[in-house]
Amino acid sequence: GGRQEGVIMFNAGSSLISRSDRRLIGKIAKAYKKRGGAIRVDGHASSRTRDMDLFRHHMVNFNISLSRANAVAKELVRNGVPQNAVFVTAMSDSKPIWAEVMPKGDAGNQRVEVFFTN
């Protein structure tokens, strides 16, 4: 649960944060400083991977979702959010919000969602 504060989008296979997303993360950090509590950072991946076995597919998607969440968490901390107030989860490709029949769907699932949890 919690209130969603922002969504950061990523390119395929990437955990690099864009300049505009850095500004969004800065705004989230500023809002956190006013309210306190905790922040949950959920990393996501699209389900599309190159031709690979199921185990490797799951590990690749888990790892990229974790890398994305950690990149956002690190940026929040760099903006003054206490490290012990940031909780990271790696959702892999388990919670798509877009059907992936089109590349736009893949892109929509390559994201990190940031929530205030209390």
PDB file of N, CA and C in Angstrom:
ATOM      1  N   GLY A   1       0.804  -1.195   0.000  1.00  0.00           N
ATOM      2  CA  GLY A   1       0.000   0.000   0.000  1.00  0.00           C
ATOM      3  C   GLY A   1       0.843   1.253   0.000  1.00  0.00           C
ATOM      4  N   GLY A   2       0.209   2.329   0.246  1.00  0.00           N
ATOM      5  CA  GLY A   2       0.895   3.610   0.278  1.00  0.00           C
ATOM      6  C   GLY A   2       0.462   4.480  -0.876  1.00  0.00           C
ATOM      7  N   ARG A   3       0.922   5.710  -0.845  1.00  0.00           N
ATOM      8  CA  ARG A   3       0.561   6.674  -1.877  1.00  0.00           C
ATOM      9  C   ARG A   3       1.690   6.780  -2.897  1.00  0.00           C
ATOM     10  N   GLN A   4       1.364   6.538  -4.166  1.00  0.00           N
ATOM     11  CA  GLN A   4       2.393   6.614  -5.193  1.00  0.00           C
ATOM     12  C   GLN A   4       2.815   8.060  -5.403  1.00  0.00           C
ATOM     13  N   GLU A   5       4.116   8.293  -5.339  1.00  0.00           N
ATOM     14  CA  GLU A   5       4.670   9.637  -5.489  1.00  0.00           C
ATOM     15  C   GLU A   5       5.299   9.871  -6.847  1.00  0.00           C
ATOM     16  N   GLY A   6       5.636   8.812  -7.537  1.00  0.00           N
ATOM     17  CA  GLY A   6       6.262   9.008  -8.842  1.00  0.00           C
ATOM     18  C   GLY A   6       6.594   7.698  -9.510  1.00  0.00           C
ATOM     19  N   VAL A   7       6.768   7.773 -10.825  1.00  0.00           N
ATOM     20  CA  VAL A   7       7.189   6.627 -11.631  1.00  0.00           C
ATOM     21  C   VAL A   7       8.384   7.075 -12.466  1.00  0.00           C
ATOM     22  N   ILE A   8       9.454   6.311 -12.407  1.00  0.00           N
ATOM     23  CA  ILE A   8      10.660   6.595 -13.171  1.00  0.00           C
ATOM     24  C   ILE A   8      10.763   5.512 -14.242  1.00  0.00           C
ATOM     25  N   MET A   9      10.866   5.934 -15.501  1.00  0.00           N
ATOM     26  CA  MET A   9      10.923   5.006 -16.623  1.00  0.00           C
ATOM     27  C   MET A   9      12.380   4.748 -17.017  1.00  0.00           C
ATOM     28  N   PHE A  10      12.631   3.549 -17.565  1.00  0.00           N
ATOM     29  CA  PHE A  10      13.984   3.160 -17.969  1.00  0.00           C
ATOM     30  C   PHE A  10      13.984   2.594 -19.380  1.00  0.00           C
ATOM     31  N   ASN A  11      15.126   2.722 -20.046  1.00  0.00           N
ATOM     32  CA  ASN A  11      15.309   2.082 -21.346  1.00  0.00           C
ATOM     33  C   ASN A  11      15.525   0.586 -21.127  1.00  0.00           C
ATOM     34  N   ALA A  12      15.312  -0.196 -22.162  1.00  0.00           N
ATOM     35  CA  ALA A  12      15.475  -1.652 -22.082  1.00  0.00           C
ATOM     36  C   ALA A  12      16.867  -2.006 -21.564  1.00  0.00           C
ATOM     37  N   GLY A  13      16.917  -2.866 -20.556  1.00  0.00           N
ATOM     38  CA  GLY A  13      18.181  -3.346 -20.013  1.00  0.00           C
ATOM     39  C   GLY A  13      18.986  -2.319 -19.248  1.00  0.00           C
ATOM     40  N   SER A  14      18.411  -1.148 -18.986  1.00  0.00           N
ATOM     41  CA  SER A  14      19.169  -0.056 -18.366  1.00  0.00           C
ATOM     42  C   SER A  14      18.637   0.279 -16.977  1.00  0.00           C
ATOM     43  N   SER A  15      19.553   0.750 -16.127  1.00  0.00           N
ATOM     44  CA  SER A  15      19.144   1.290 -14.828  1.00  0.00           C
ATOM     45  C   SER A  15      19.666   2.723 -14.681  1.00  0.00           C
ATOM     46  N   LEU A  16      19.964   3.381 -15.811  1.00  0.00           N
ATOM     47  CA  LEU A  16      20.422   4.776 -15.788  1.00  0.00           C
ATOM     48  C   LEU A  16      19.235   5.718 -15.640  1.00  0.00           C
ATOM     49  N   ILE A  17      19.378   6.695 -14.750  1.00  0.00           N
ATOM     50  CA  ILE A  17      18.317   7.661 -14.463  1.00  0.00           C
ATOM     51  C   ILE A  17      18.546   8.913 -15.312  1.00  0.00           C
ATOM     52  N   SER A  18      17.500   9.365 -15.997  1.00  0.00           N
ATOM     53  CA  SER A  18      17.611  10.564 -16.838  1.00  0.00           C
ATOM     54  C   SER A  18      17.664  11.821 -15.973  1.00  0.00           C
ATOM     55  N   ARG A  19      18.071  12.932 -16.590  1.00  0.00           N
ATOM     56  CA  ARG A  19      18.146  14.219 -15.884  1.00  0.00           C
ATOM     57  C   ARG A  19      16.759  14.630 -15.361  1.00  0.00           C
ATOM     58  N   SER A  20      15.717  14.462 -16.197  1.00  0.00           N
ATOM     59  CA  SER A  20      14.378  14.868 -15.750  1.00  0.00           C
ATOM     60  C   SER A  20      13.894  13.967 -14.608  1.00  0.00           C
ATOM     61  N   ASP A  21      14.256  12.682 -14.641  1.00  0.00           N
ATOM     62  CA  ASP A  21      13.883  11.796 -13.536  1.00  0.00           C
ATOM     63  C   ASP A  21      14.658  12.135 -12.262  1.00  0.00           C
ATOM     64  N   ARG A  22      15.891  12.620 -12.410  1.00  0.00           N
ATOM     65  CA  ARG A  22      16.646  13.079 -11.225  1.00  0.00           C
ATOM     66  C   ARG A  22      15.898  14.241 -10.561  1.00  0.00           C
ATOM     67  N   ARG A  23      15.322  15.137 -11.387  1.00  0.00           N
ATOM     68  CA  ARG A  23      14.548  16.253 -10.830  1.00  0.00           C
ATOM     69  C   ARG A  23      13.315  15.725 -10.098  1.00  0.00           C
ATOM     70  N   LEU A  24      12.631  14.735 -10.686  1.00  0.00           N
ATOM     71  CA  LEU A  24      11.462  14.132 -10.036  1.00  0.00           C
ATOM     72  C   LEU A  24      11.856  13.508  -8.697  1.00  0.00           C
ATOM     73  N   ILE A  25      12.961  12.786  -8.677  1.00  0.00           N
ATOM     74  CA  ILE A  25      13.430  12.157  -7.436  1.00  0.00           C
ATOM     75  C   ILE A  25      13.774  13.226  -6.405  1.00  0.00           C
ATOM     76  N   GLY A  26      14.350  14.343  -6.850  1.00  0.00           N
ATOM     77  CA  GLY A  26      14.636  15.472  -5.950  1.00  0.00           C
ATOM     78  C   GLY A  26      13.366  16.025  -5.329  1.00  0.00           C
ATOM     79  N   LYS A  27      12.299  16.133  -6.133  1.00  0.00           N
ATOM     80  CA  LYS A  27      11.002  16.611  -5.612  1.00  0.00           C
ATOM     81  C   LYS A  27      10.425  15.629  -4.601  1.00  0.00           C
ATOM     82  N   ILE A  28      10.554  14.340  -4.881  1.00  0.00           N
ATOM     83  CA  ILE A  28      10.062  13.320  -3.944  1.00  0.00           C
ATOM     84  C   ILE A  28      10.833  13.426  -2.625  1.00  0.00           C
ATOM     85  N   ALA A  29      12.166  13.614  -2.711  1.00  0.00           N
ATOM     86  CA  ALA A  29      12.991  13.750  -1.499  1.00  0.00           C
ATOM     87  C   ALA A  29      12.574  14.979  -0.701  1.00  0.00           C
ATOM     88  N   LYS A  30      12.287  16.087  -1.389  1.00  0.00           N
ATOM     89  CA  LYS A  30      11.857  17.314  -0.719  1.00  0.00           C
ATOM     90  C   LYS A  30      10.517  17.089  -0.008  1.00  0.00           C
ATOM     91  N   ALA A  31       9.587  16.408  -0.671  1.00  0.00           N
ATOM     92  CA  ALA A  31       8.289  16.094  -0.057  1.00  0.00           C
ATOM     93  C   ALA A  31       8.482  15.179   1.148  1.00  0.00           C
ATOM     94  N   TYR A  32       9.413  14.221   1.034  1.00  0.00           N
ATOM     95  CA  TYR A  32       9.698  13.321   2.155  1.00  0.00           C
ATOM     96  C   TYR A  32      10.158  14.127   3.376  1.00  0.00           C
ATOM     97  N   LYS A  33      11.033  15.103   3.164  1.00  0.00           N
ATOM     98  CA  LYS A  33      11.583  15.890   4.275  1.00  0.00           C
ATOM     99  C   LYS A  33      10.481  16.616   5.038  1.00  0.00           C
ATOM    100  N   LYS A  34       9.390  16.976   4.361  1.00  0.00           N
ATOM    101  CA  LYS A  34       8.265  17.644   5.027  1.00  0.00           C
ATOM    102  C   LYS A  34       7.411  16.659   5.806  1.00  0.00           C
ATOM    103  N   ARG A  35       7.300  15.421   5.318  1.00  0.00           N
ATOM    104  CA  ARG A  35       6.342  14.494   5.913  1.00  0.00           C
ATOM    105  C   ARG A  35       6.979  13.357   6.712  1.00  0.00           C
ATOM    106  N   GLY A  36       8.223  12.974   6.391  1.00  0.00           N
ATOM    107  CA  GLY A  36       8.858  11.860   7.092  1.00  0.00           C
ATOM    108  C   GLY A  36       8.242  10.527   6.720  1.00  0.00           C
ATOM    109  N   GLY A  37       8.425   9.547   7.583  1.00  0.00           N
ATOM    110  CA  GLY A  37       7.870   8.224   7.329  1.00  0.00           C
ATOM    111  C   GLY A  37       8.855   7.346   6.602  1.00  0.00           C
ATOM    112  N   ALA A  38       8.352   6.599   5.620  1.00  0.00           N
ATOM    113  CA  ALA A  38       9.186   5.669   4.873  1.00  0.00           C
ATOM    114  C   ALA A  38       8.831   5.739   3.396  1.00  0.00           C
ATOM    115  N   ILE A  39       9.780   5.334   2.579  1.00  0.00           N
ATOM    116  CA  ILE A  39       9.590   5.308   1.127  1.00  0.00           C
ATOM    117  C   ILE A  39       9.847   3.887   0.643  1.00  0.00           C
ATOM    118  N   ARG A  40       8.926   3.368  -0.168  1.00  0.00           N
ATOM    119  CA  ARG A  40       9.128   2.060  -0.807  1.00  0.00           C
ATOM    120  C   ARG A  40       9.429   2.296  -2.275  1.00  0.00           C
ATOM    121  N   VAL A  41      10.486   1.665  -2.752  1.00  0.00           N
ATOM    122  CA  VAL A  41      10.934   1.802  -4.127  1.00  0.00           C
ATOM    123  C   VAL A  41      10.809   0.433  -4.792  1.00  0.00           C
ATOM    124  N   ASP A  42       9.824   0.298  -5.700  1.00  0.00           N
ATOM    125  CA  ASP A  42       9.568  -0.983  -6.372  1.00  0.00           C
ATOM    126  C   ASP A  42      10.159  -0.970  -7.774  1.00  0.00           C
ATOM    127  N   GLY A  43      11.141  -1.832  -8.020  1.00  0.00           N
ATOM    128  CA  GLY A  43      11.736  -1.955  -9.349  1.00  0.00           C
ATOM    129  C   GLY A  43      10.986  -2.983 -10.176  1.00  0.00           C
ATOM    130  N   HIS A  44      10.782  -2.673 -11.451  1.00  0.00           N
ATOM    131  CA  HIS A  44      10.055  -3.555 -12.371  1.00  0.00           C
ATOM    132  C   HIS A  44      10.845  -3.781 -13.648  1.00  0.00           C
ATOM    133  N   ALA A  45      10.513  -4.868 -14.337  1.00  0.00           N
ATOM    134  CA  ALA A  45      11.119  -5.183 -15.635  1.00  0.00           C
ATOM    135  C   ALA A  45      10.025  -5.611 -16.592  1.00  0.00           C
ATOM    136  N   SER A  46      10.300  -5.480 -17.880  1.00  0.00           N
ATOM    137  CA  SER A  46       9.370  -6.050 -18.864  1.00  0.00           C
ATOM    138  C   SER A  46       9.638  -7.549 -18.924  1.00  0.00           C
ATOM    139  N   SER A  47       8.716  -8.307 -19.476  1.00  0.00           N
ATOM    140  CA  SER A  47       8.903  -9.762 -19.498  1.00  0.00           C
ATOM    141  C   SER A  47       9.739 -10.221 -20.688  1.00  0.00           C
ATOM    142  N   ARG A  48      10.049  -9.299 -21.581  1.00  0.00           N
ATOM    143  CA  ARG A  48      10.790  -9.692 -22.779  1.00  0.00           C
ATOM    144  C   ARG A  48      12.288  -9.761 -22.482  1.00  0.00           C
ATOM    145  N   THR A  49      12.870 -10.903 -22.800  1.00  0.00           N
ATOM    146  CA  THR A  49      14.323 -11.069 -22.720  1.00  0.00           C
ATOM    147  C   THR A  49      14.738 -11.784 -23.997  1.00  0.00           C
ATOM    148  N   ARG A  50      16.032 -11.766 -24.272  1.00  0.00           N
ATOM    149  CA  ARG A  50      16.502 -12.504 -25.454  1.00  0.00           C
ATOM    150  C   ARG A  50      16.194 -13.975 -25.261  1.00  0.00           C
ATOM    151  N   ASP A  51      16.424 -14.746 -26.264  1.00  0.00           N
ATOM    152  CA  ASP A  51      16.147 -16.183 -26.229  1.00  0.00           C
ATOM    153  C   ASP A  51      16.995 -16.835 -25.132  1.00  0.00           C
ATOM    154  N   MET A  52      16.364 -17.184 -24.020  1.00  0.00           N
ATOM    155  CA  MET A  52      17.103 -17.801 -22.911  1.00  0.00           C
ATOM    156  C   MET A  52      16.175 -18.716 -22.132  1.00  0.00           C
ATOM    157  N   ASP A  53      16.770 -19.621 -21.363  1.00  0.00           N
ATOM    158  CA  ASP A  53      15.937 -20.536 -20.583  1.00  0.00           C
ATOM    159  C   ASP A  53      15.212 -19.773 -19.477  1.00  0.00           C
ATOM    160  N   LEU A  54      14.170 -20.400 -18.944  1.00  0.00           N
ATOM    161  CA  LEU A  54      13.283 -19.745 -17.992  1.00  0.00           C
ATOM    162  C   LEU A  54      14.011 -19.243 -16.746  1.00  0.00           C
ATOM    163  N   PHE A  55      14.932 -20.048 -16.196  1.00  0.00           N
ATOM    164  CA  PHE A  55      15.653 -19.636 -14.995  1.00  0.00           C
ATOM    165  C   PHE A  55      16.464 -18.372 -15.273  1.00  0.00           C
ATOM    166  N   ARG A  56      17.214 -18.391 -16.383  1.00  0.00           N
ATOM    167  CA  ARG A  56      18.032 -17.226 -16.719  1.00  0.00           C
ATOM    168  C   ARG A  56      17.132 -16.003 -16.982  1.00  0.00           C
ATOM    169  N   HIS A  57      16.020 -16.207 -17.663  1.00  0.00           N
ATOM    170  CA  HIS A  57      15.046 -15.133 -17.920  1.00  0.00           C
ATOM    171  C   HIS A  57      14.618 -14.482 -16.597  1.00  0.00           C
ATOM    172  N   HIS A  58      14.264 -15.310 -15.606  1.00  0.00           N
ATOM    173  CA  HIS A  58      13.828 -14.775 -14.315  1.00  0.00           C
ATOM    174  C   HIS A  58      14.965 -14.043 -13.600  1.00  0.00           C
ATOM    175  N   MET A  59      16.179 -14.572 -13.669  1.00  0.00           N
ATOM    176  CA  MET A  59      17.311 -13.920 -12.999  1.00  0.00           C
ATOM    177  C   MET A  59      17.638 -12.574 -13.656  1.00  0.00           C
ATOM    178  N   VAL A  60      17.620 -12.527 -14.980  1.00  0.00           N
ATOM    179  CA  VAL A  60      17.901 -11.270 -15.689  1.00  0.00           C
ATOM    180  C   VAL A  60      16.876 -10.212 -15.292  1.00  0.00           C
ATOM    181  N   ASN A  61      15.599 -10.578 -15.308  1.00  0.00           N
ATOM    182  CA  ASN A  61      14.551  -9.607 -14.979  1.00  0.00           C
ATOM    183  C   ASN A  61      14.580  -9.215 -13.506  1.00  0.00           C
ATOM    184  N   PHE A  62      14.864 -10.159 -12.609  1.00  0.00           N
ATOM    185  CA  PHE A  62      14.994  -9.832 -11.192  1.00  0.00           C
ATOM    186  C   PHE A  62      16.146  -8.849 -11.000  1.00  0.00           C
ATOM    187  N   ASN A  63      17.292  -9.158 -11.602  1.00  0.00           N
ATOM    188  CA  ASN A  63      18.491  -8.320 -11.417  1.00  0.00           C
ATOM    189  C   ASN A  63      18.299  -6.911 -11.964  1.00  0.00           C
ATOM    190  N   ILE A  64      17.674  -6.768 -13.140  1.00  0.00           N
ATOM    191  CA  ILE A  64      17.490  -5.413 -13.689  1.00  0.00           C
ATOM    192  C   ILE A  64      16.469  -4.645 -12.851  1.00  0.00           C
ATOM    193  N   SER A  65      15.430  -5.314 -12.358  1.00  0.00           N
ATOM    194  CA  SER A  65      14.462  -4.607 -11.518  1.00  0.00           C
ATOM    195  C   SER A  65      15.116  -4.158 -10.208  1.00  0.00           C
ATOM    196  N   LEU A  66      16.001  -4.985  -9.657  1.00  0.00           N
ATOM    197  CA  LEU A  66      16.735  -4.620  -8.437  1.00  0.00           C
ATOM    198  C   LEU A  66      17.710  -3.468  -8.716  1.00  0.00           C
ATOM    199  N   SER A  67      18.424  -3.531  -9.843  1.00  0.00           N
ATOM    200  CA  SER A  67      19.362  -2.452 -10.197  1.00  0.00           C
ATOM    201  C   SER A  67      18.638  -1.122 -10.340  1.00  0.00           C
ATOM    202  N   ARG A  68      17.459  -1.147 -10.977  1.00  0.00           N
ATOM    203  CA  ARG A  68      16.686   0.080 -11.156  1.00  0.00           C
ATOM    204  C   ARG A  68      16.226   0.629  -9.812  1.00  0.00           C
ATOM    205  N   ALA A  69      15.701  -0.231  -8.961  1.00  0.00           N
ATOM    206  CA  ALA A  69      15.234   0.209  -7.640  1.00  0.00           C
ATOM    207  C   ALA A  69      16.397   0.766  -6.823  1.00  0.00           C
ATOM    208  N   ASN A  70      17.551   0.088  -6.850  1.00  0.00           N
ATOM    209  CA  ASN A  70      18.719   0.561  -6.106  1.00  0.00           C
ATOM    210  C   ASN A  70      19.218   1.902  -6.637  1.00  0.00           C
ATOM    211  N   ALA A  71      19.165   2.111  -7.950  1.00  0.00           N
ATOM    212  CA  ALA A  71      19.598   3.391  -8.536  1.00  0.00           C
ATOM    213  C   ALA A  71      18.714   4.525  -8.027  1.00  0.00           C
ATOM    214  N   VAL A  72      17.397   4.295  -7.981  1.00  0.00           N
ATOM    215  CA  VAL A  72      16.467   5.322  -7.491  1.00  0.00           C
ATOM    216  C   VAL A  72      16.671   5.542  -5.990  1.00  0.00           C
ATOM    217  N   ALA A  73      16.833   4.456  -5.236  1.00  0.00           N
ATOM    218  CA  ALA A  73      17.055   4.577  -3.786  1.00  0.00           C
ATOM    219  C   ALA A  73      18.324   5.373  -3.505  1.00  0.00           C
ATOM    220  N   LYS A  74      19.394   5.096  -4.245  1.00  0.00           N
ATOM    221  CA  LYS A  74      20.664   5.804  -4.071  1.00  0.00           C
ATOM    222  C   LYS A  74      20.480   7.299  -4.342  1.00  0.00           C
ATOM    223  N   GLU A  75      19.692   7.628  -5.368  1.00  0.00           N
ATOM    224  CA  GLU A  75      19.435   9.032  -5.712  1.00  0.00           C
ATOM    225  C   GLU A  75      18.602   9.717  -4.623  1.00  0.00           C
ATOM    226  N   LEU A  76      17.642   8.998  -4.046  1.00  0.00           N
ATOM    227  CA  LEU A  76      16.861   9.553  -2.930  1.00  0.00           C
ATOM    228  C   LEU A  76      17.779   9.876  -1.754  1.00  0.00           C
ATOM    229  N   VAL A  77      18.671   8.955  -1.419  1.00  0.00           N
ATOM    230  CA  VAL A  77      19.612   9.156  -0.303  1.00  0.00           C
ATOM    231  C   VAL A  77      20.546  10.324  -0.615  1.00  0.00           C
ATOM    232  N   ARG A  78      21.009  10.412  -1.868  1.00  0.00           N
ATOM    233  CA  ARG A  78      21.868  11.521  -2.280  1.00  0.00           C
ATOM    234  C   ARG A  78      21.161  12.863  -2.110  1.00  0.00           C
ATOM    235  N   ASN A  79      19.817  12.831  -2.191  1.00  0.00           N
ATOM    236  CA  ASN A  79      19.001  14.044  -2.018  1.00  0.00           C
ATOM    237  C   ASN A  79      18.550  14.247  -0.570  1.00  0.00           C
ATOM    238  N   GLY A  80      19.137  13.502   0.369  1.00  0.00           N
ATOM    239  CA  GLY A  80      18.899  13.768   1.787  1.00  0.00           C
ATOM    240  C   GLY A  80      17.900  12.873   2.495  1.00  0.00           C
ATOM    241  N   VAL A  81      17.348  11.861   1.814  1.00  0.00           N
ATOM    242  CA  VAL A  81      16.450  10.922   2.498  1.00  0.00           C
ATOM    243  C   VAL A  81      17.328   9.934   3.276  1.00  0.00           C
ATOM    244  N   PRO A  82      17.047   9.731   4.580  1.00  0.00           N
ATOM    245  CA  PRO A  82      17.864   8.785   5.353  1.00  0.00           C
ATOM    246  C   PRO A  82      17.784   7.379   4.748  1.00  0.00           C
ATOM    247  N   GLN A  83      18.946   6.721   4.673  1.00  0.00           N
ATOM    248  CA  GLN A  83      19.013   5.388   4.078  1.00  0.00           C
ATOM    249  C   GLN A  83      18.047   4.404   4.749  1.00  0.00           C
ATOM    250  N   ASN A  84      17.894   4.528   6.070  1.00  0.00           N
ATOM    251  CA  ASN A  84      17.025   3.575   6.793  1.00  0.00           C
ATOM    252  C   ASN A  84      15.539   3.859   6.588  1.00  0.00           C
ATOM    253  N   ALA A  85      15.206   4.889   5.806  1.00  0.00           N
ATOM    254  CA  ALA A  85      13.800   5.192   5.495  1.00  0.00           C
ATOM    255  C   ALA A  85      13.419   4.719   4.093  1.00  0.00           C
ATOM    256  N   VAL A  86      14.390   4.145   3.370  1.00  0.00           N
ATOM    257  CA  VAL A  86      14.154   3.717   1.990  1.00  0.00           C
ATOM    258  C   VAL A  86      14.175   2.194   1.923  1.00  0.00           C
ATOM    259  N   PHE A  87      13.084   1.620   1.435  1.00  0.00           N
ATOM    260  CA  PHE A  87      12.947   0.164   1.323  1.00  0.00           C
ATOM    261  C   PHE A  87      12.813  -0.203  -0.145  1.00  0.00           C
ATOM    262  N   VAL A  88      13.663  -1.113  -0.599  1.00  0.00           N
ATOM    263  CA  VAL A  88      13.743  -1.492  -2.007  1.00  0.00           C
ATOM    264  C   VAL A  88      13.124  -2.861  -2.213  1.00  0.00           C
ATOM    265  N   THR A  89      12.286  -2.992  -3.258  1.00  0.00           N
ATOM    266  CA  THR A  89      11.793  -4.313  -3.656  1.00  0.00           C
ATOM    267  C   THR A  89      12.048  -4.499  -5.148  1.00  0.00           C
ATOM    268  N   ALA A  90      12.370  -5.734  -5.515  1.00  0.00           N
ATOM    269  CA  ALA A  90      12.575  -6.099  -6.919  1.00  0.00           C
ATOM    270  C   ALA A  90      11.391  -6.950  -7.341  1.00  0.00           C
ATOM    271  N   MET A  91      10.548  -6.400  -8.203  1.00  0.00           N
ATOM    272  CA  MET A  91       9.326  -7.091  -8.619  1.00  0.00           C
ATOM    273  C   MET A  91       9.542  -7.923  -9.883  1.00  0.00           C
ATOM    274  N   SER A  92      10.719  -7.827 -10.505  1.00  0.00           N
ATOM    275  CA  SER A  92      11.016  -8.509 -11.761  1.00  0.00           C
ATOM    276  C   SER A  92       9.939  -8.149 -12.783  1.00  0.00           C
ATOM    277  N   ASP A  93       9.357  -9.154 -13.455  1.00  0.00           N
ATOM    278  CA  ASP A  93       8.297  -8.882 -14.431  1.00  0.00           C
ATOM    279  C   ASP A  93       6.943  -9.363 -13.913  1.00  0.00           C
ATOM    280  N   SER A  94       6.812  -9.437 -12.567  1.00  0.00           N
ATOM    281  CA  SER A  94       5.615 -10.030 -11.957  1.00  0.00           C
ATOM    282  C   SER A  94       4.399  -9.107 -11.928  1.00  0.00           C
ATOM    283  N   LYS A  95       4.597  -7.801 -12.108  1.00  0.00           N
ATOM    284  CA  LYS A  95       3.470  -6.866 -12.022  1.00  0.00           C
ATOM    285  C   LYS A  95       3.439  -5.907 -13.208  1.00  0.00           C
ATOM    286  N   PRO A  96       3.239  -6.448 -14.406  1.00  0.00           N
ATOM    287  CA  PRO A  96       3.166  -5.550 -15.560  1.00  0.00           C
ATOM    288  C   PRO A  96       1.920  -4.673 -15.489  1.00  0.00           C
ATOM    289  N   ILE A  97       2.050  -3.441 -15.960  1.00  0.00           N
ATOM    290  CA  ILE A  97       0.865  -2.581 -16.058  1.00  0.00           C
ATOM    291  C   ILE A  97       0.449  -2.418 -17.512  1.00  0.00           C
ATOM    292  N   TRP A  98       1.269  -2.892 -18.433  1.00  0.00           N
ATOM    293  CA  TRP A  98       0.985  -2.819 -19.856  1.00  0.00           C
ATOM    294  C   TRP A  98       1.069  -4.216 -20.450  1.00  0.00           C
ATOM    295  N   ALA A  99       0.175  -4.532 -21.385  1.00  0.00           N
ATOM    296  CA  ALA A  99       0.299  -5.760 -22.165  1.00  0.00           C
ATOM    297  C   ALA A  99       1.502  -5.593 -23.082  1.00  0.00           C
ATOM    298  N   GLU A 100       2.302  -6.614 -23.222  1.00  0.00           N
ATOM    299  CA  GLU A 100       3.550  -6.480 -23.969  1.00  0.00           C
ATOM    300  C   GLU A 100       3.462  -7.029 -25.387  1.00  0.00           C
ATOM    301  N   VAL A 101       2.353  -6.765 -26.054  1.00  0.00           N
ATOM    302  CA  VAL A 101       2.242  -7.177 -27.458  1.00  0.00           C
ATOM    303  C   VAL A 101       2.874  -6.146 -28.380  1.00  0.00           C
ATOM    304  N   MET A 102       3.096  -4.949 -27.859  1.00  0.00           N
ATOM    305  CA  MET A 102       3.741  -3.878 -28.623  1.00  0.00           C
ATOM    306  C   MET A 102       4.946  -3.381 -27.817  1.00  0.00           C
ATOM    307  N   PRO A 103       5.980  -2.868 -28.501  1.00  0.00           N
ATOM    308  CA  PRO A 103       7.154  -2.348 -27.772  1.00  0.00           C
ATOM    309  C   PRO A 103       6.792  -1.295 -26.724  1.00  0.00           C
ATOM    310  N   LYS A 104       5.749  -0.484 -26.966  1.00  0.00           N
ATOM    311  CA  LYS A 104       5.318   0.523 -25.994  1.00  0.00           C
ATOM    312  C   LYS A 104       4.962  -0.143 -24.667  1.00  0.00           C
ATOM    313  N   GLY A 105       4.365  -1.343 -24.726  1.00  0.00           N
ATOM    314  CA  GLY A 105       4.037  -2.084 -23.509  1.00  0.00           C
ATOM    315  C   GLY A 105       5.283  -2.484 -22.744  1.00  0.00           C
ATOM    316  N   ASP A 106       6.301  -2.970 -23.464  1.00  0.00           N
ATOM    317  CA  ASP A 106       7.574  -3.305 -22.816  1.00  0.00           C
ATOM    318  C   ASP A 106       8.104  -2.092 -22.075  1.00  0.00           C
ATOM    319  N   ALA A 107       8.138  -0.948 -22.772  1.00  0.00           N
ATOM    320  CA  ALA A 107       8.701   0.278 -22.204  1.00  0.00           C
ATOM    321  C   ALA A 107       7.941   0.699 -20.949  1.00  0.00           C
ATOM    322  N   GLY A 108       6.628   0.552 -20.962  1.00  0.00           N
ATOM    323  CA  GLY A 108       5.826   0.933 -19.802  1.00  0.00           C
ATOM    324  C   GLY A 108       6.074   0.072 -18.580  1.00  0.00           C
ATOM    325  N   ASN A 109       6.575  -1.133 -18.787  1.00  0.00           N
ATOM    326  CA  ASN A 109       6.844  -2.032 -17.668  1.00  0.00           C
ATOM    327  C   ASN A 109       8.273  -1.917 -17.143  1.00  0.00           C
ATOM    328  N   GLN A 110       9.137  -1.177 -17.824  1.00  0.00           N
ATOM    329  CA  GLN A 110      10.528  -0.959 -17.412  1.00  0.00           C
ATOM    330  C   GLN A 110      10.554   0.286 -16.539  1.00  0.00           C
ATOM    331  N   ARG A 111      10.204   0.112 -15.272  1.00  0.00           N
ATOM    332  CA  ARG A 111       9.945   1.287 -14.432  1.00  0.00           C
ATOM    333  C   ARG A 111      10.305   1.025 -12.973  1.00  0.00           C
ATOM    334  N   VAL A 112      10.355   2.113 -12.223  1.00  0.00           N
ATOM    335  CA  VAL A 112      10.414   2.068 -10.755  1.00  0.00           C
ATOM    336  C   VAL A 112       9.262   2.924 -10.264  1.00  0.00           C
ATOM    337  N   GLU A 113       8.512   2.392  -9.313  1.00  0.00           N
ATOM    338  CA  GLU A 113       7.422   3.136  -8.677  1.00  0.00           C
ATOM    339  C   GLU A 113       7.864   3.495  -7.264  1.00  0.00           C
ATOM    340  N   VAL A 114       7.613   4.741  -6.883  1.00  0.00           N
ATOM    341  CA  VAL A 114       8.033   5.234  -5.567  1.00  0.00           C
ATOM    342  C   VAL A 114       6.767   5.574  -4.759  1.00  0.00           C
ATOM    343  N   PHE A 115       6.698   5.016  -3.546  1.00  0.00           N
ATOM    344  CA  PHE A 115       5.539   5.194  -2.678  1.00  0.00           C
ATOM    345  C   PHE A 115       5.958   5.741  -1.323  1.00  0.00           C
ATOM    346  N   PHE A 116       5.126   6.635  -0.752  1.00  0.00           N
ATOM    347  CA  PHE A 116       5.218   6.953   0.675  1.00  0.00           C
ATOM    348  C   PHE A 116       4.356   5.913   1.373  1.00  0.00           C
ATOM    349  N   THR A 117       4.911   5.211   2.355  1.00  0.00           N
ATOM    350  CA  THR A 117       4.182   4.091   2.943  1.00  0.00           C
ATOM    351  C   THR A 117       3.532   4.406   4.271  1.00  0.00           C
ATOM    352  N   ASN A 118       3.804   5.547   4.869  1.00  0.00           N
ATOM    353  CA  ASN A 118       3.116   5.893   6.124  1.00  0.00           C
ATOM    354  C   ASN A 118       3.124   7.386   6.368  1.00  0.00           C
TER     355      ASN A 118
END
